[in-house]
């Protein structure tokens, strides 16, 4: 049974995603506090010397600077952004909403990362099934997000939801794939400042949300 109906998968801007991302955006879409928390989560969950896939990424991967990996594969929709990412050993451009199949053998990676981009997936069930397939037994997927988005490109199920429903949605994506074990939910609310402080130019902080799950040993076939 599908998790989303066609209306929930729709976008306000239905044009090809490749056109929207044709021009590079060398900015970070979350604040420094979010980035620090994400890097610390990677520090806790990733292991040196392993193979990493940074899915739906861009010019920065937020990986801990002191950790060296055997291989970091990058994926995104803008080649110029990916080419600027110093942590990537290789990268490829692919629209997952047109083709969710990932061109890697079973059990290729130790970890798959998806930072502040899950809200744009129109067929998340297919993508997360592929993520499970290319992860080694015991491999981990780390999905992180905040409350920001390109509104016109986020799916309706995300646009119409709350931070709490977004967490439930991502958990449902992962739970729809039998290879994944129980997901871990990480919630670190941001800081909303009073209106008068905002008028003085002070900003609050972005909330940090993450869902982490591992492929359970022995559940994925054909790993050789």
N, C-alpha and C. Protein backbone atom coordinates (compact mmCIF):
# COMPACT_ATOMS: atom_id res chain seq x y z
N UNK A 1 0.85 -1.20 0.00
CA UNK A 1 0.00 0.00 0.00
C UNK A 1 0.89 1.25 0.00
N UNK A 2 0.59 2.18 -0.92
CA UNK A 2 1.40 3.39 -1.02
C UNK A 2 1.20 4.28 0.19
N UNK A 3 2.28 4.94 0.61
CA UNK A 3 2.20 5.85 1.75
C UNK A 3 1.53 7.16 1.39
N UNK A 4 1.66 7.57 0.12
CA UNK A 4 1.15 8.87 -0.32
C UNK A 4 0.22 8.70 -1.51
N UNK A 5 -0.81 9.53 -1.56
CA UNK A 5 -1.66 9.52 -2.74
C UNK A 5 -1.11 10.54 -3.74
N UNK A 6 -1.61 10.52 -4.98
CA UNK A 6 -1.06 11.42 -6.00
C UNK A 6 -1.09 12.89 -5.59
N UNK A 7 -2.14 13.34 -4.94
CA UNK A 7 -2.21 14.74 -4.53
C UNK A 7 -1.10 15.08 -3.54
N UNK A 8 -0.79 14.16 -2.63
CA UNK A 8 0.25 14.41 -1.63
C UNK A 8 1.64 14.46 -2.24
N UNK A 9 1.81 13.87 -3.41
CA UNK A 9 3.11 13.88 -4.10
C UNK A 9 3.28 15.13 -4.97
N UNK A 10 2.25 15.90 -5.14
CA UNK A 10 2.28 17.01 -6.08
C UNK A 10 3.12 18.18 -5.56
N UNK A 11 3.58 19.00 -6.51
CA UNK A 11 4.36 20.20 -6.19
C UNK A 11 3.69 21.43 -6.79
N UNK A 12 3.84 22.56 -6.12
CA UNK A 12 3.28 23.80 -6.66
C UNK A 12 3.93 24.16 -7.99
N UNK A 13 5.22 23.88 -8.10
CA UNK A 13 5.96 24.07 -9.35
C UNK A 13 6.23 22.70 -9.95
N UNK A 14 5.40 22.28 -10.92
CA UNK A 14 5.55 20.93 -11.47
C UNK A 14 6.59 20.82 -12.57
N UNK A 15 7.31 21.90 -12.86
CA UNK A 15 8.32 21.85 -13.91
C UNK A 15 9.46 20.92 -13.51
N UNK A 16 10.25 20.54 -14.48
CA UNK A 16 11.34 19.60 -14.24
C UNK A 16 12.29 20.13 -13.16
N UNK A 17 12.60 19.29 -12.19
CA UNK A 17 13.46 19.71 -11.09
C UNK A 17 14.84 20.13 -11.59
N UNK A 18 15.30 19.50 -12.66
CA UNK A 18 16.60 19.85 -13.20
C UNK A 18 16.68 21.31 -13.63
N UNK A 19 15.57 21.85 -14.12
CA UNK A 19 15.54 23.26 -14.52
C UNK A 19 15.65 24.16 -13.29
N UNK A 20 14.94 23.80 -12.22
CA UNK A 20 14.96 24.60 -11.01
C UNK A 20 16.36 24.67 -10.40
N UNK A 21 17.09 23.56 -10.49
CA UNK A 21 18.43 23.49 -9.90
C UNK A 21 19.54 23.71 -10.92
N UNK A 22 19.19 24.27 -12.09
CA UNK A 22 20.18 24.44 -13.15
C UNK A 22 21.28 25.43 -12.76
N UNK A 23 20.95 26.40 -11.93
CA UNK A 23 21.93 27.40 -11.50
C UNK A 23 22.43 27.07 -10.10
N UNK A 24 23.72 27.12 -9.87
CA UNK A 24 24.25 26.74 -8.56
C UNK A 24 23.87 27.73 -7.47
N UNK A 25 23.69 27.20 -6.27
CA UNK A 25 23.41 28.04 -5.09
C UNK A 25 24.48 27.71 -4.05
N UNK A 26 25.50 28.54 -3.99
CA UNK A 26 26.59 28.28 -3.05
C UNK A 26 26.28 28.92 -1.70
N UNK A 27 25.19 28.45 -1.11
CA UNK A 27 24.76 28.90 0.21
C UNK A 27 24.39 27.67 1.02
N UNK A 28 24.32 27.84 2.33
CA UNK A 28 23.78 26.77 3.18
C UNK A 28 22.34 27.14 3.51
N UNK A 29 21.47 26.14 3.52
CA UNK A 29 20.05 26.39 3.64
C UNK A 29 19.56 26.25 5.09
N UNK A 30 20.48 26.06 6.01
CA UNK A 30 20.19 26.00 7.45
C UNK A 30 21.26 26.79 8.18
N UNK A 31 21.01 27.10 9.45
CA UNK A 31 21.96 27.94 10.18
C UNK A 31 23.14 27.13 10.73
N UNK A 32 24.11 27.84 11.29
CA UNK A 32 25.33 27.20 11.77
C UNK A 32 25.06 26.21 12.90
N UNK A 33 24.07 26.53 13.73
CA UNK A 33 23.73 25.61 14.82
C UNK A 33 23.25 24.27 14.30
N UNK A 34 22.43 24.29 13.27
CA UNK A 34 21.97 23.04 12.64
C UNK A 34 23.16 22.27 12.08
N UNK A 35 24.03 22.99 11.36
CA UNK A 35 25.18 22.33 10.73
C UNK A 35 26.08 21.68 11.77
N UNK A 36 26.32 22.37 12.88
CA UNK A 36 27.15 21.81 13.95
C UNK A 36 26.53 20.54 14.53
N UNK A 37 25.21 20.56 14.71
CA UNK A 37 24.54 19.37 15.25
C UNK A 37 24.58 18.22 14.25
N UNK A 38 24.45 18.53 12.96
CA UNK A 38 24.52 17.48 11.95
C UNK A 38 25.91 16.87 11.89
N UNK A 39 26.94 17.72 11.91
CA UNK A 39 28.31 17.20 11.90
C UNK A 39 28.59 16.33 13.12
N UNK A 40 28.07 16.72 14.26
CA UNK A 40 28.26 15.92 15.47
C UNK A 40 27.53 14.59 15.36
N UNK A 41 26.34 14.58 14.77
CA UNK A 41 25.62 13.33 14.56
C UNK A 41 26.41 12.41 13.63
N UNK A 42 26.97 12.98 12.56
CA UNK A 42 27.81 12.17 11.67
C UNK A 42 29.02 11.63 12.43
N UNK A 43 29.58 12.43 13.29
CA UNK A 43 30.74 12.00 14.09
C UNK A 43 30.38 10.78 14.95
N UNK A 44 29.17 10.77 15.47
CA UNK A 44 28.73 9.68 16.34
C UNK A 44 28.36 8.42 15.55
N UNK A 45 27.80 8.60 14.36
CA UNK A 45 27.20 7.46 13.65
C UNK A 45 28.08 6.87 12.55
N UNK A 46 29.03 7.66 12.03
CA UNK A 46 29.85 7.18 10.93
C UNK A 46 31.19 6.66 11.45
N UNK A 47 31.82 5.82 10.65
CA UNK A 47 33.11 5.24 11.02
C UNK A 47 34.15 5.59 9.96
N UNK A 48 35.37 5.92 10.38
CA UNK A 48 36.45 6.20 9.41
C UNK A 48 36.71 4.97 8.54
N UNK A 49 37.17 5.24 7.32
CA UNK A 49 37.55 4.15 6.43
C UNK A 49 36.39 3.45 5.76
N UNK A 50 35.18 4.00 5.84
CA UNK A 50 34.01 3.38 5.24
C UNK A 50 33.59 4.11 3.97
N UNK A 51 32.61 3.54 3.27
CA UNK A 51 32.12 4.12 2.02
C UNK A 51 30.79 4.83 2.28
N UNK A 52 30.73 6.09 1.86
CA UNK A 52 29.60 6.97 2.16
C UNK A 52 28.96 7.44 0.86
N UNK A 53 27.62 7.49 0.84
CA UNK A 53 26.89 8.13 -0.25
C UNK A 53 26.15 9.33 0.30
N UNK A 54 26.50 10.52 -0.20
CA UNK A 54 25.82 11.76 0.17
C UNK A 54 24.75 12.01 -0.88
N UNK A 55 23.53 11.60 -0.56
CA UNK A 55 22.43 11.63 -1.52
C UNK A 55 21.70 12.97 -1.48
N UNK A 56 21.37 13.51 -2.64
CA UNK A 56 20.67 14.79 -2.76
C UNK A 56 21.49 15.89 -2.09
N UNK A 57 22.78 15.89 -2.38
CA UNK A 57 23.70 16.82 -1.75
C UNK A 57 24.05 17.99 -2.65
N UNK A 58 25.09 18.73 -2.24
CA UNK A 58 25.48 19.92 -3.00
C UNK A 58 26.96 20.19 -2.80
N UNK A 59 27.34 21.42 -2.51
CA UNK A 59 28.75 21.82 -2.49
C UNK A 59 29.41 21.59 -1.14
N UNK A 60 28.66 21.19 -0.13
CA UNK A 60 29.21 20.91 1.19
C UNK A 60 28.48 19.71 1.79
N UNK A 61 29.22 18.82 2.44
CA UNK A 61 28.63 17.60 2.98
C UNK A 61 28.51 17.59 4.50
N UNK A 62 29.13 18.55 5.18
CA UNK A 62 29.05 18.67 6.64
C UNK A 62 29.65 17.47 7.38
N UNK A 63 30.54 16.75 6.72
CA UNK A 63 31.22 15.62 7.37
C UNK A 63 32.29 16.14 8.33
N UNK A 64 32.56 15.41 9.41
CA UNK A 64 33.60 15.86 10.34
C UNK A 64 34.95 15.97 9.64
N UNK A 65 35.62 17.08 9.85
CA UNK A 65 36.87 17.33 9.15
C UNK A 65 37.97 16.35 9.49
N UNK A 66 37.92 15.81 10.72
CA UNK A 66 39.00 14.92 11.16
C UNK A 66 38.79 13.48 10.72
N UNK A 67 37.63 13.16 10.14
CA UNK A 67 37.34 11.77 9.74
C UNK A 67 37.65 11.57 8.26
N UNK A 68 38.41 10.53 7.98
CA UNK A 68 38.73 10.16 6.61
C UNK A 68 37.95 8.91 6.23
N UNK A 69 37.41 8.91 5.02
CA UNK A 69 36.60 7.80 4.56
C UNK A 69 37.25 7.13 3.36
N UNK A 70 36.93 5.86 3.15
CA UNK A 70 37.50 5.14 2.01
C UNK A 70 37.02 5.74 0.70
N UNK A 71 35.75 6.17 0.67
CA UNK A 71 35.19 6.76 -0.54
C UNK A 71 33.94 7.53 -0.16
N UNK A 72 33.82 8.74 -0.68
CA UNK A 72 32.59 9.52 -0.52
C UNK A 72 32.02 9.80 -1.90
N UNK A 73 30.87 9.22 -2.16
CA UNK A 73 30.17 9.41 -3.43
C UNK A 73 29.12 10.51 -3.24
N UNK A 74 29.05 11.43 -4.18
CA UNK A 74 28.09 12.51 -4.09
C UNK A 74 27.00 12.39 -5.15
N UNK A 75 25.84 12.89 -4.81
CA UNK A 75 24.73 12.92 -5.75
C UNK A 75 23.98 14.23 -5.58
N UNK A 76 23.46 14.76 -6.67
CA UNK A 76 22.66 15.96 -6.59
C UNK A 76 22.09 16.30 -7.95
N UNK A 77 21.59 17.51 -8.09
CA UNK A 77 20.98 17.96 -9.34
C UNK A 77 21.77 19.08 -10.01
N UNK A 78 22.84 19.56 -9.36
CA UNK A 78 23.64 20.61 -9.96
C UNK A 78 25.10 20.19 -9.99
N UNK A 79 25.61 19.97 -11.18
CA UNK A 79 26.97 19.46 -11.32
C UNK A 79 28.01 20.46 -10.82
N UNK A 80 27.75 21.75 -11.00
CA UNK A 80 28.70 22.77 -10.57
C UNK A 80 28.85 22.78 -9.05
N UNK A 81 27.73 22.61 -8.33
CA UNK A 81 27.80 22.52 -6.87
C UNK A 81 28.59 21.30 -6.45
N UNK A 82 28.28 20.15 -7.04
CA UNK A 82 28.95 18.91 -6.65
C UNK A 82 30.45 18.97 -6.93
N UNK A 83 30.82 19.61 -8.03
CA UNK A 83 32.24 19.71 -8.39
C UNK A 83 33.02 20.53 -7.38
N UNK A 84 32.34 21.44 -6.66
CA UNK A 84 33.00 22.29 -5.67
C UNK A 84 33.12 21.62 -4.30
N UNK A 85 32.48 20.48 -4.13
CA UNK A 85 32.47 19.83 -2.82
C UNK A 85 33.80 19.11 -2.58
N UNK A 86 34.61 19.57 -1.62
CA UNK A 86 35.95 19.00 -1.45
C UNK A 86 35.95 17.59 -0.85
N UNK A 87 34.83 17.15 -0.28
CA UNK A 87 34.81 15.83 0.35
C UNK A 87 34.45 14.71 -0.61
N UNK A 88 34.02 15.05 -1.79
CA UNK A 88 33.55 14.01 -2.72
C UNK A 88 34.72 13.44 -3.52
N UNK A 89 34.77 12.11 -3.58
CA UNK A 89 35.73 11.42 -4.45
C UNK A 89 35.17 11.24 -5.85
N UNK A 90 33.86 11.22 -5.95
CA UNK A 90 33.17 11.07 -7.24
C UNK A 90 31.75 11.55 -7.03
N UNK A 91 31.08 11.94 -8.11
CA UNK A 91 29.69 12.37 -7.98
C UNK A 91 28.93 12.06 -9.26
N UNK A 92 27.61 12.09 -9.15
CA UNK A 92 26.76 11.91 -10.33
C UNK A 92 25.50 12.76 -10.17
N UNK A 93 24.93 13.14 -11.30
CA UNK A 93 23.71 13.95 -11.33
C UNK A 93 22.56 13.06 -11.79
N UNK A 94 21.49 13.06 -11.01
CA UNK A 94 20.33 12.23 -11.34
C UNK A 94 19.09 12.79 -10.66
N UNK A 95 17.99 12.86 -11.38
CA UNK A 95 16.71 13.29 -10.83
C UNK A 95 15.98 12.07 -10.27
N UNK A 96 15.95 11.95 -8.97
CA UNK A 96 15.34 10.78 -8.33
C UNK A 96 13.83 10.76 -8.48
N UNK A 97 13.22 11.90 -8.78
CA UNK A 97 11.78 11.91 -9.01
C UNK A 97 11.41 11.37 -10.39
N UNK A 98 12.40 11.32 -11.28
CA UNK A 98 12.19 10.71 -12.59
C UNK A 98 12.70 9.28 -12.63
N UNK A 99 13.78 9.03 -11.90
CA UNK A 99 14.39 7.70 -11.87
C UNK A 99 14.95 7.44 -10.48
N UNK A 100 14.22 6.71 -9.63
CA UNK A 100 14.70 6.47 -8.26
C UNK A 100 15.74 5.36 -8.15
N UNK A 101 16.00 4.65 -9.24
CA UNK A 101 16.95 3.53 -9.19
C UNK A 101 18.37 4.06 -9.06
N UNK A 102 19.11 3.54 -8.09
CA UNK A 102 20.49 3.94 -7.87
C UNK A 102 21.42 2.91 -8.49
N UNK A 103 22.32 3.37 -9.36
CA UNK A 103 23.14 2.48 -10.16
C UNK A 103 24.34 1.91 -9.43
N UNK A 104 24.10 1.27 -8.31
CA UNK A 104 25.18 0.65 -7.53
C UNK A 104 24.81 -0.79 -7.20
N UNK A 105 25.82 -1.64 -7.00
CA UNK A 105 25.54 -3.02 -6.60
C UNK A 105 24.93 -3.08 -5.20
N UNK A 106 24.30 -4.18 -4.89
CA UNK A 106 23.80 -4.41 -3.54
C UNK A 106 24.95 -4.31 -2.54
N UNK A 107 24.67 -3.70 -1.40
CA UNK A 107 25.65 -3.66 -0.32
C UNK A 107 26.90 -2.86 -0.62
N UNK A 108 26.78 -1.81 -1.41
CA UNK A 108 27.95 -1.04 -1.83
C UNK A 108 28.44 -0.07 -0.76
N UNK A 109 27.54 0.44 0.09
CA UNK A 109 27.89 1.53 1.00
C UNK A 109 27.66 1.15 2.47
N UNK A 110 28.45 1.82 3.32
CA UNK A 110 28.29 1.67 4.76
C UNK A 110 27.29 2.66 5.33
N UNK A 111 27.10 3.79 4.63
CA UNK A 111 26.17 4.82 5.12
C UNK A 111 25.64 5.62 3.94
N UNK A 112 24.38 6.02 4.05
CA UNK A 112 23.76 6.94 3.09
C UNK A 112 23.24 8.14 3.88
N UNK A 113 23.61 9.33 3.43
CA UNK A 113 23.23 10.57 4.10
C UNK A 113 22.26 11.34 3.22
N UNK A 114 21.25 11.95 3.84
CA UNK A 114 20.30 12.78 3.11
C UNK A 114 20.00 13.99 3.99
N UNK A 115 20.63 15.11 3.66
CA UNK A 115 20.52 16.31 4.50
C UNK A 115 19.61 17.35 3.85
N UNK A 116 18.63 17.79 4.60
CA UNK A 116 17.69 18.86 4.24
C UNK A 116 17.18 18.76 2.80
N UNK A 117 16.78 17.55 2.40
CA UNK A 117 16.29 17.37 1.04
C UNK A 117 15.18 16.34 0.91
N UNK A 118 14.86 15.62 1.97
CA UNK A 118 13.85 14.55 1.88
C UNK A 118 12.50 15.11 1.47
N UNK A 119 12.24 16.39 1.74
CA UNK A 119 10.93 17.00 1.46
C UNK A 119 10.62 17.11 -0.03
N UNK A 120 11.62 16.89 -0.88
CA UNK A 120 11.42 17.04 -2.32
C UNK A 120 11.16 15.71 -3.03
N UNK A 121 11.22 14.60 -2.31
CA UNK A 121 11.04 13.29 -2.93
C UNK A 121 9.56 13.01 -3.18
N UNK A 122 9.23 12.74 -4.44
CA UNK A 122 7.84 12.41 -4.78
C UNK A 122 7.55 10.93 -4.65
N UNK A 123 8.57 10.09 -4.73
CA UNK A 123 8.39 8.64 -4.59
C UNK A 123 9.36 8.11 -3.54
N UNK A 124 9.20 8.56 -2.30
CA UNK A 124 10.17 8.19 -1.25
C UNK A 124 10.22 6.70 -0.98
N UNK A 125 9.10 6.00 -1.16
CA UNK A 125 9.12 4.55 -0.92
C UNK A 125 10.16 3.87 -1.80
N UNK A 126 10.19 4.27 -3.09
CA UNK A 126 11.13 3.67 -4.03
C UNK A 126 12.57 4.05 -3.69
N UNK A 127 12.78 5.31 -3.31
CA UNK A 127 14.13 5.77 -3.00
C UNK A 127 14.67 5.07 -1.76
N UNK A 128 13.86 4.95 -0.72
CA UNK A 128 14.34 4.31 0.51
C UNK A 128 14.52 2.81 0.33
N UNK A 129 13.75 2.21 -0.56
CA UNK A 129 13.99 0.80 -0.88
C UNK A 129 15.34 0.64 -1.55
N UNK A 130 15.69 1.56 -2.44
CA UNK A 130 17.00 1.53 -3.08
C UNK A 130 18.13 1.79 -2.07
N UNK A 131 17.89 2.70 -1.15
CA UNK A 131 18.90 2.97 -0.11
C UNK A 131 19.19 1.70 0.68
N UNK A 132 18.13 1.00 1.07
CA UNK A 132 18.33 -0.25 1.82
C UNK A 132 19.10 -1.27 0.99
N UNK A 133 18.82 -1.33 -0.29
CA UNK A 133 19.48 -2.31 -1.16
C UNK A 133 20.98 -2.06 -1.26
N UNK A 134 21.38 -0.79 -1.37
CA UNK A 134 22.81 -0.50 -1.59
C UNK A 134 23.60 -0.39 -0.29
N UNK A 135 22.91 -0.47 0.85
CA UNK A 135 23.61 -0.48 2.13
C UNK A 135 24.05 -1.89 2.50
N UNK A 136 25.20 -1.99 3.12
CA UNK A 136 25.66 -3.26 3.67
C UNK A 136 24.80 -3.63 4.88
N UNK A 137 24.72 -4.91 5.22
CA UNK A 137 24.07 -5.27 6.49
C UNK A 137 24.72 -4.51 7.64
N UNK A 138 23.93 -3.86 8.44
CA UNK A 138 24.45 -3.01 9.50
C UNK A 138 24.69 -1.58 9.06
N UNK A 139 24.57 -1.30 7.75
CA UNK A 139 24.76 0.05 7.24
C UNK A 139 23.65 0.97 7.70
N UNK A 140 23.96 2.26 7.72
CA UNK A 140 23.07 3.24 8.33
C UNK A 140 22.62 4.30 7.32
N UNK A 141 21.36 4.73 7.44
CA UNK A 141 20.87 5.88 6.71
C UNK A 141 20.57 6.98 7.72
N UNK A 142 21.00 8.21 7.40
CA UNK A 142 20.79 9.36 8.28
C UNK A 142 20.06 10.44 7.48
N UNK A 143 18.82 10.70 7.84
CA UNK A 143 18.00 11.70 7.18
C UNK A 143 17.83 12.88 8.13
N UNK A 144 18.26 14.06 7.72
CA UNK A 144 18.15 15.24 8.58
C UNK A 144 17.37 16.33 7.87
N UNK A 145 16.67 17.15 8.66
CA UNK A 145 15.88 18.23 8.07
C UNK A 145 15.53 19.24 9.16
N UNK A 146 15.12 20.41 8.73
CA UNK A 146 14.68 21.46 9.63
C UNK A 146 13.28 21.90 9.21
N UNK A 147 12.98 23.17 9.39
CA UNK A 147 11.66 23.67 8.99
C UNK A 147 11.75 24.57 7.77
N UNK A 148 12.85 24.50 7.05
CA UNK A 148 13.01 25.29 5.84
C UNK A 148 12.82 24.43 4.61
N UNK A 149 12.44 25.07 3.51
CA UNK A 149 12.26 24.34 2.25
C UNK A 149 12.11 25.33 1.11
N UNK A 150 12.35 24.84 -0.12
CA UNK A 150 11.89 25.55 -1.31
C UNK A 150 10.41 25.18 -1.44
N UNK A 151 9.54 26.08 -1.03
CA UNK A 151 8.13 25.77 -0.86
C UNK A 151 7.51 25.23 -2.15
N UNK A 152 7.88 25.81 -3.27
CA UNK A 152 7.26 25.42 -4.53
C UNK A 152 7.71 24.05 -5.01
N UNK A 153 8.81 23.53 -4.43
CA UNK A 153 9.33 22.24 -4.85
C UNK A 153 9.12 21.13 -3.82
N UNK A 154 8.67 21.47 -2.64
CA UNK A 154 8.34 20.45 -1.63
C UNK A 154 7.01 19.79 -1.99
N UNK A 155 6.88 18.51 -1.68
CA UNK A 155 5.62 17.82 -1.99
C UNK A 155 4.52 18.32 -1.05
N UNK A 156 3.26 18.17 -1.47
CA UNK A 156 2.13 18.68 -0.70
C UNK A 156 2.07 18.08 0.70
N UNK A 157 2.41 16.80 0.84
CA UNK A 157 2.38 16.16 2.15
C UNK A 157 3.31 16.85 3.13
N UNK A 158 4.38 17.44 2.61
CA UNK A 158 5.33 18.17 3.46
C UNK A 158 4.87 19.61 3.67
N UNK A 159 4.47 20.26 2.59
CA UNK A 159 4.02 21.66 2.69
C UNK A 159 2.86 21.81 3.68
N UNK A 160 1.96 20.86 3.66
CA UNK A 160 0.75 20.95 4.47
C UNK A 160 0.95 20.44 5.89
N UNK A 161 2.14 19.94 6.20
CA UNK A 161 2.37 19.31 7.49
C UNK A 161 3.04 20.23 8.51
N UNK A 162 3.29 19.67 9.68
CA UNK A 162 3.99 20.34 10.77
C UNK A 162 5.33 19.66 10.98
N UNK A 163 6.16 20.24 11.84
CA UNK A 163 7.43 19.59 12.15
C UNK A 163 7.20 18.18 12.69
N UNK A 164 6.19 18.04 13.54
CA UNK A 164 5.89 16.72 14.12
C UNK A 164 5.43 15.74 13.04
N UNK A 165 4.59 16.21 12.12
CA UNK A 165 4.12 15.29 11.07
C UNK A 165 5.24 14.95 10.09
N UNK A 166 6.19 15.88 9.90
CA UNK A 166 7.34 15.58 9.05
C UNK A 166 8.15 14.42 9.63
N UNK A 167 8.36 14.44 10.94
CA UNK A 167 9.07 13.34 11.59
C UNK A 167 8.34 12.02 11.39
N UNK A 168 7.02 12.05 11.55
CA UNK A 168 6.24 10.83 11.38
C UNK A 168 6.30 10.35 9.93
N UNK A 169 6.32 11.30 9.00
CA UNK A 169 6.37 10.95 7.59
C UNK A 169 7.69 10.26 7.24
N UNK A 170 8.79 10.83 7.69
CA UNK A 170 10.09 10.22 7.39
C UNK A 170 10.22 8.86 8.07
N UNK A 171 9.71 8.77 9.29
CA UNK A 171 9.72 7.47 9.97
C UNK A 171 8.91 6.44 9.17
N UNK A 172 7.77 6.87 8.62
CA UNK A 172 6.95 5.96 7.81
C UNK A 172 7.67 5.54 6.54
N UNK A 173 8.41 6.48 5.92
CA UNK A 173 9.19 6.12 4.74
C UNK A 173 10.14 4.97 5.07
N UNK A 174 10.85 5.09 6.17
CA UNK A 174 11.83 4.08 6.55
C UNK A 174 11.16 2.78 6.96
N UNK A 175 10.07 2.88 7.70
CA UNK A 175 9.37 1.68 8.15
C UNK A 175 8.69 0.94 7.01
N UNK A 176 8.52 1.61 5.87
CA UNK A 176 7.90 0.94 4.72
C UNK A 176 8.86 -0.05 4.05
N UNK A 177 10.12 -0.01 4.45
CA UNK A 177 11.14 -0.89 3.87
C UNK A 177 11.53 -1.92 4.93
N UNK A 178 11.25 -3.17 4.65
CA UNK A 178 11.37 -4.22 5.68
C UNK A 178 12.81 -4.44 6.14
N UNK A 179 13.79 -4.07 5.31
CA UNK A 179 15.19 -4.30 5.68
C UNK A 179 15.66 -3.41 6.83
N UNK A 180 15.00 -2.29 7.02
CA UNK A 180 15.44 -1.37 8.07
C UNK A 180 14.92 -1.80 9.44
N UNK A 181 15.79 -1.65 10.44
CA UNK A 181 15.38 -1.86 11.81
C UNK A 181 14.62 -0.65 12.33
N UNK A 182 14.25 -0.66 13.59
CA UNK A 182 13.48 0.46 14.17
C UNK A 182 14.26 1.77 14.05
N UNK A 183 13.62 2.82 13.54
CA UNK A 183 14.31 4.10 13.39
C UNK A 183 14.50 4.83 14.71
N UNK A 184 15.60 5.54 14.81
CA UNK A 184 15.88 6.42 15.94
C UNK A 184 15.49 7.84 15.55
N UNK A 185 14.74 8.50 16.42
CA UNK A 185 14.25 9.85 16.15
C UNK A 185 15.03 10.84 17.02
N UNK A 186 15.56 11.89 16.40
CA UNK A 186 16.33 12.89 17.13
C UNK A 186 15.63 14.24 16.94
N UNK A 187 15.29 14.88 18.05
CA UNK A 187 14.56 16.15 18.03
C UNK A 187 15.30 17.15 18.90
N UNK A 188 15.70 18.25 18.30
CA UNK A 188 16.33 19.35 19.04
C UNK A 188 15.68 20.65 18.59
N UNK A 189 14.63 21.08 19.31
CA UNK A 189 13.87 22.26 18.87
C UNK A 189 14.75 23.50 18.78
N UNK A 190 14.43 24.34 17.83
CA UNK A 190 15.13 25.60 17.70
C UNK A 190 14.62 26.61 18.72
N UNK A 191 15.16 27.80 18.63
CA UNK A 191 14.81 28.87 19.57
C UNK A 191 14.02 29.95 18.83
N UNK A 192 12.79 30.19 19.28
CA UNK A 192 11.98 31.27 18.72
C UNK A 192 12.07 32.47 19.63
N UNK A 193 12.62 33.56 19.13
CA UNK A 193 12.79 34.76 19.93
C UNK A 193 11.51 35.60 19.93
N UNK A 194 11.26 36.36 20.99
CA UNK A 194 10.12 37.28 21.01
C UNK A 194 10.19 38.28 19.87
N UNK A 195 9.02 38.76 19.47
CA UNK A 195 8.93 39.65 18.32
C UNK A 195 9.79 40.89 18.43
N UNK A 196 9.90 41.46 19.63
CA UNK A 196 10.68 42.69 19.75
C UNK A 196 12.16 42.45 19.52
N UNK A 197 12.63 41.25 19.88
CA UNK A 197 14.04 40.93 19.61
C UNK A 197 14.26 40.71 18.11
N UNK A 198 13.26 40.14 17.45
CA UNK A 198 13.36 39.97 16.01
C UNK A 198 13.41 41.32 15.31
N UNK A 199 12.64 42.28 15.83
CA UNK A 199 12.65 43.61 15.26
C UNK A 199 14.02 44.28 15.40
N UNK A 200 14.77 43.88 16.43
CA UNK A 200 16.11 44.41 16.64
C UNK A 200 17.15 43.71 15.76
N UNK A 201 16.67 42.77 14.96
CA UNK A 201 17.57 42.09 14.03
C UNK A 201 18.15 40.80 14.57
N UNK A 202 17.70 40.36 15.74
CA UNK A 202 18.19 39.11 16.29
C UNK A 202 17.38 37.94 15.74
N UNK A 203 18.06 36.88 15.45
CA UNK A 203 17.39 35.71 14.87
C UNK A 203 17.37 34.55 15.86
N UNK A 204 16.38 33.71 15.73
CA UNK A 204 16.33 32.49 16.53
C UNK A 204 17.24 31.44 15.90
N UNK A 205 16.99 30.19 16.24
CA UNK A 205 17.81 29.12 15.69
C UNK A 205 16.92 28.07 15.04
N UNK A 206 17.46 27.42 14.01
CA UNK A 206 16.70 26.39 13.30
C UNK A 206 16.53 25.15 14.16
N UNK A 207 15.36 24.54 14.14
CA UNK A 207 15.23 23.23 14.79
C UNK A 207 16.02 22.17 14.02
N UNK A 208 16.44 21.16 14.74
CA UNK A 208 17.21 20.06 14.14
C UNK A 208 16.44 18.76 14.33
N UNK A 209 16.15 18.11 13.23
CA UNK A 209 15.46 16.82 13.27
C UNK A 209 16.26 15.82 12.45
N UNK A 210 16.30 14.59 12.93
CA UNK A 210 16.96 13.53 12.18
C UNK A 210 16.27 12.20 12.46
N UNK A 211 16.28 11.35 11.45
CA UNK A 211 15.79 9.98 11.59
C UNK A 211 16.92 9.08 11.11
N UNK A 212 17.30 8.13 11.96
CA UNK A 212 18.45 7.26 11.70
C UNK A 212 17.99 5.81 11.77
N UNK A 213 18.40 5.01 10.80
CA UNK A 213 18.03 3.59 10.83
C UNK A 213 19.14 2.77 10.19
N UNK A 214 19.21 1.52 10.60
CA UNK A 214 20.23 0.61 10.07
C UNK A 214 19.57 -0.58 9.39
N UNK A 215 20.26 -1.10 8.37
CA UNK A 215 19.83 -2.34 7.74
C UNK A 215 20.17 -3.48 8.69
N UNK A 216 19.17 -4.27 9.02
CA UNK A 216 19.39 -5.34 9.98
C UNK A 216 20.18 -6.46 9.31
N UNK A 217 21.11 -7.03 10.04
CA UNK A 217 21.95 -8.11 9.51
C UNK A 217 21.10 -9.28 9.06
N UNK A 218 21.43 -9.75 7.87
CA UNK A 218 20.77 -10.96 7.38
C UNK A 218 19.45 -10.71 6.68
N UNK A 219 19.02 -9.45 6.52
CA UNK A 219 17.72 -9.21 5.91
C UNK A 219 17.82 -8.87 4.43
N UNK A 220 19.01 -8.49 3.96
CA UNK A 220 19.16 -8.13 2.57
C UNK A 220 19.92 -9.24 1.84
N UNK A 221 19.37 -9.69 0.74
CA UNK A 221 19.98 -10.77 -0.01
C UNK A 221 21.04 -10.25 -1.00
N UNK A 222 21.80 -11.21 -1.56
CA UNK A 222 22.72 -10.94 -2.67
C UNK A 222 23.84 -9.99 -2.33
N UNK A 223 24.32 -10.05 -1.10
CA UNK A 223 25.48 -9.22 -0.77
C UNK A 223 26.79 -9.96 -1.00
N UNK A 224 26.70 -11.22 -1.33
CA UNK A 224 27.89 -11.97 -1.66
C UNK A 224 28.81 -12.11 -0.48
